[in-house]
Amino acid sequence: MSFAKLLSAACLMLASAVAFGQKVSYDFDKSADFTHYKTYAWVDRGGDLKDELNHRRVVNAIDVQMASKGMKKVAPEKADILIDYTTNFSRSLNVSGYSSGFGGLRFAGSRTGSARADDVVVATLVVSVVDAKTNGIVWRGIATKDVDMGASPEKREKNINKAAEKLFKNYPPEK
């Protein structure tokens, strides 16, 4: 196998993994003392989902993660931290190709190939954790994933729960 063919195959496999995998990242304020945060409340900063069913799925998934961290949900005026989330949906084009055949570069021999382009909806979930006293963001997590528009309600809930679990794996952050 020539170097060019090997490189093409590796790039194609890498592109497929990136297109279908869930990407998660986070950032935090290194000066924040996360050991003092024991309670939380939800706030609406105007960026939540307009789809009520998926909005509840996101809130429930994050509530489960916060409870697993020992956090207690309280009224906003009594909370140590405030939580909000925003979503963004964008479209991208996923192009995949395949070729096969025999022969060298100079003598192509018999080759065949095909290409396919798919329209992909990409969802981004951004969760912000705000210090209630300072009103400053102390932690932010971002999850991005291709969305299956024909997914069942169970699959949507599973994907949202998995995104929340991956996001809050890094909360509270280790300094």
Protein backbone atom coordinates (compact mmCIF):
# COMPACT_ATOMS: atom_id res chain seq x y z
CA MET A 1 0.00 0.00 0.00
CA SER A 2 1.43 3.38 -0.99
CA PHE A 3 1.99 6.13 1.53
CA ALA A 4 -0.67 8.31 -0.15
CA LYS A 5 -3.31 5.59 0.13
CA LEU A 6 -2.40 4.91 3.76
CA LEU A 7 -2.57 8.62 4.58
CA SER A 8 -5.94 8.96 2.83
CA ALA A 9 -7.37 5.99 4.73
CA ALA A 10 -6.10 7.34 8.08
CA CYS A 11 -7.60 10.79 7.40
CA LEU A 12 -10.92 9.24 6.43
CA MET A 13 -11.06 7.16 9.63
CA LEU A 14 -10.12 10.19 11.75
CA ALA A 15 -12.77 12.35 10.08
CA SER A 16 -15.41 9.69 10.75
CA ALA A 17 -14.47 9.49 14.43
CA VAL A 18 -14.64 13.26 14.83
CA ALA A 19 -17.95 13.53 13.00
CA PHE A 20 -19.76 10.95 15.12
CA GLY A 21 -18.06 11.34 18.52
CA GLN A 22 -19.19 13.60 21.32
CA LYS A 23 -16.73 16.35 22.14
CA VAL A 24 -16.61 17.81 25.64
CA SER A 25 -14.51 20.64 27.04
CA TYR A 26 -14.56 22.79 30.14
CA ASP A 27 -12.97 25.86 31.66
CA PHE A 28 -12.97 27.30 35.16
CA ASP A 29 -11.85 30.18 37.34
CA LYS A 30 -8.70 28.97 39.11
CA SER A 31 -9.25 31.43 41.96
CA ALA A 32 -12.71 30.03 42.83
CA ASP A 33 -12.94 27.82 45.92
CA PHE A 34 -15.29 25.04 44.83
CA THR A 35 -15.26 23.46 48.31
CA HIS A 36 -17.55 26.28 49.52
CA TYR A 37 -20.25 25.52 46.98
CA LYS A 38 -22.87 23.25 48.53
CA THR A 39 -26.17 24.52 47.07
CA TYR A 40 -27.35 25.49 43.62
CA ALA A 41 -30.34 26.95 41.81
CA TRP A 42 -31.39 27.33 38.21
CA VAL A 43 -31.55 30.74 36.58
CA ASP A 44 -32.79 31.62 33.14
CA ARG A 45 -30.52 33.96 31.28
CA GLY A 46 -32.61 33.62 28.13
CA GLY A 47 -30.80 30.82 26.35
CA ASP A 48 -32.68 27.63 27.14
CA LEU A 49 -34.31 25.32 24.62
CA LYS A 50 -37.66 26.35 23.22
CA ASP A 51 -38.57 22.64 23.05
CA GLU A 52 -40.12 21.97 26.48
CA LEU A 53 -39.54 18.20 26.39
CA ASN A 54 -35.82 18.51 25.68
CA HIS A 55 -35.52 21.46 28.10
CA ARG A 56 -36.80 19.22 30.91
CA ARG A 57 -34.43 16.44 29.83
CA VAL A 58 -31.44 18.80 30.03
CA VAL A 59 -32.46 20.21 33.43
CA ASN A 60 -33.13 16.72 34.85
CA ALA A 61 -29.81 15.36 33.53
CA ILE A 62 -27.88 18.22 35.13
CA ASP A 63 -29.86 17.91 38.38
CA VAL A 64 -28.83 14.23 38.56
CA GLN A 65 -25.18 15.18 38.05
CA MET A 66 -25.31 17.93 40.67
CA ALA A 67 -26.91 15.53 43.18
CA SER A 68 -24.15 13.01 42.46
CA LYS A 69 -21.63 15.72 43.44
CA GLY A 70 -23.39 16.23 46.78
CA MET A 71 -25.02 19.50 45.74
CA LYS A 72 -28.46 20.45 47.05
CA LYS A 73 -31.03 22.29 44.92
CA VAL A 74 -32.46 25.38 46.69
CA ALA A 75 -34.23 28.67 45.89
CA PRO A 76 -32.06 31.15 43.93
CA GLU A 77 -31.72 33.58 46.86
CA LYS A 78 -30.25 30.79 49.05
CA ALA A 79 -27.91 29.25 46.47
CA ASP A 80 -24.12 29.28 46.49
CA ILE A 81 -24.03 28.85 42.72
CA LEU A 82 -26.46 29.50 39.90
CA ILE A 83 -26.73 27.25 36.85
CA ASP A 84 -27.83 28.14 33.36
CA TYR A 85 -27.44 26.53 29.98
CA THR A 86 -27.65 27.56 26.35
CA THR A 87 -27.93 25.52 23.19
CA ASN A 88 -26.92 26.10 19.62
CA PHE A 89 -27.75 24.10 16.53
CA SER A 90 -25.76 24.35 13.34
CA ARG A 91 -25.55 22.47 10.09
CA SER A 92 -22.47 20.96 8.54
CA LEU A 93 -21.68 18.75 5.60
CA ASN A 94 -20.16 15.31 6.17
CA VAL A 95 -18.39 14.05 3.07
CA SER A 96 -17.12 10.49 2.84
CA GLY A 97 -15.49 8.71 -0.03
CA TYR A 98 -14.30 5.30 -1.03
CA SER A 99 -12.08 4.00 -3.79
CA SER A 100 -10.73 0.62 -4.71
CA GLY A 101 -8.77 -0.98 -7.49
CA PHE A 102 -5.34 -2.07 -8.44
CA GLY A 103 -2.40 -0.70 -10.35
CA GLY A 104 0.33 1.78 -9.54
CA LEU A 105 0.24 5.54 -9.69
CA ARG A 106 1.54 5.65 -13.26
CA PHE A 107 -0.63 2.81 -14.54
CA ALA A 108 -3.97 3.18 -12.84
CA GLY A 109 -5.30 -0.21 -13.84
CA SER A 110 -8.89 -0.66 -12.82
CA ARG A 111 -10.23 1.72 -10.18
CA THR A 112 -13.68 2.56 -8.91
CA GLY A 113 -14.86 5.06 -6.38
CA SER A 114 -17.81 6.84 -4.85
CA ALA A 115 -18.51 9.80 -2.62
CA ARG A 116 -21.41 10.73 -0.38
CA ALA A 117 -22.37 14.03 1.22
CA ASP A 118 -24.74 14.12 4.21
CA ASP A 119 -26.30 17.16 5.86
CA VAL A 120 -25.56 16.93 9.60
CA VAL A 121 -27.16 18.90 12.43
CA VAL A 122 -24.65 19.62 15.19
CA ALA A 123 -25.91 20.53 18.68
CA THR A 124 -23.85 22.40 21.25
CA LEU A 125 -24.81 22.49 24.93
CA VAL A 126 -23.09 25.10 27.10
CA VAL A 127 -23.59 24.88 30.89
CA SER A 128 -22.49 27.86 32.98
CA VAL A 129 -21.98 27.81 36.75
CA VAL A 130 -22.07 31.26 38.33
CA ASP A 131 -20.98 32.26 41.84
CA ALA A 132 -24.15 33.70 43.38
CA LYS A 133 -22.26 36.28 45.48
CA THR A 134 -19.99 37.68 42.78
CA ASN A 135 -22.25 36.94 39.79
CA GLY A 136 -19.14 35.75 37.93
CA ILE A 137 -18.83 32.52 35.96
CA VAL A 138 -16.66 30.02 37.86
CA TRP A 139 -17.09 26.98 35.59
CA ARG A 140 -18.32 26.33 32.06
CA GLY A 141 -18.75 23.05 30.23
CA ILE A 142 -19.39 22.59 26.52
CA ALA A 143 -20.64 19.43 24.80
CA THR A 144 -20.99 19.07 21.03
CA LYS A 145 -22.58 16.16 19.18
CA ASP A 146 -24.19 15.30 15.86
CA VAL A 147 -27.96 15.07 16.30
CA ASP A 148 -30.09 12.27 14.92
CA MET A 149 -33.28 14.15 14.04
CA GLY A 150 -35.23 10.88 13.86
CA ALA A 151 -34.12 9.59 17.28
CA SER A 152 -36.68 8.11 19.64
CA PRO A 153 -37.49 9.91 22.90
CA GLU A 154 -35.50 7.26 24.79
CA LYS A 155 -32.45 7.81 22.58
CA ARG A 156 -32.69 11.61 23.01
CA GLU A 157 -32.85 11.25 26.77
CA LYS A 158 -29.92 8.82 26.74
CA ASN A 159 -27.82 11.23 24.65
CA ILE A 160 -28.62 14.19 26.90
CA ASN A 161 -27.83 12.17 30.04
CA LYS A 162 -24.54 11.01 28.53
CA ALA A 163 -23.61 14.60 27.61
CA ALA A 164 -24.36 15.81 31.16
CA GLU A 165 -22.38 12.94 32.65
CA LYS A 166 -19.37 13.69 30.46
CA LEU A 167 -19.60 17.42 31.19
CA PHE A 168 -19.79 17.08 34.95
CA LYS A 169 -17.04 14.47 35.11
CA ASN A 170 -14.79 17.54 35.39
CA TYR A 171 -16.84 19.32 38.06
CA PRO A 172 -15.63 20.39 40.49
CA PRO A 173 -12.33 20.83 38.72
CA GLU A 174 -9.09 19.61 40.18
CA LYS A 175 -6.64 22.45 40.54
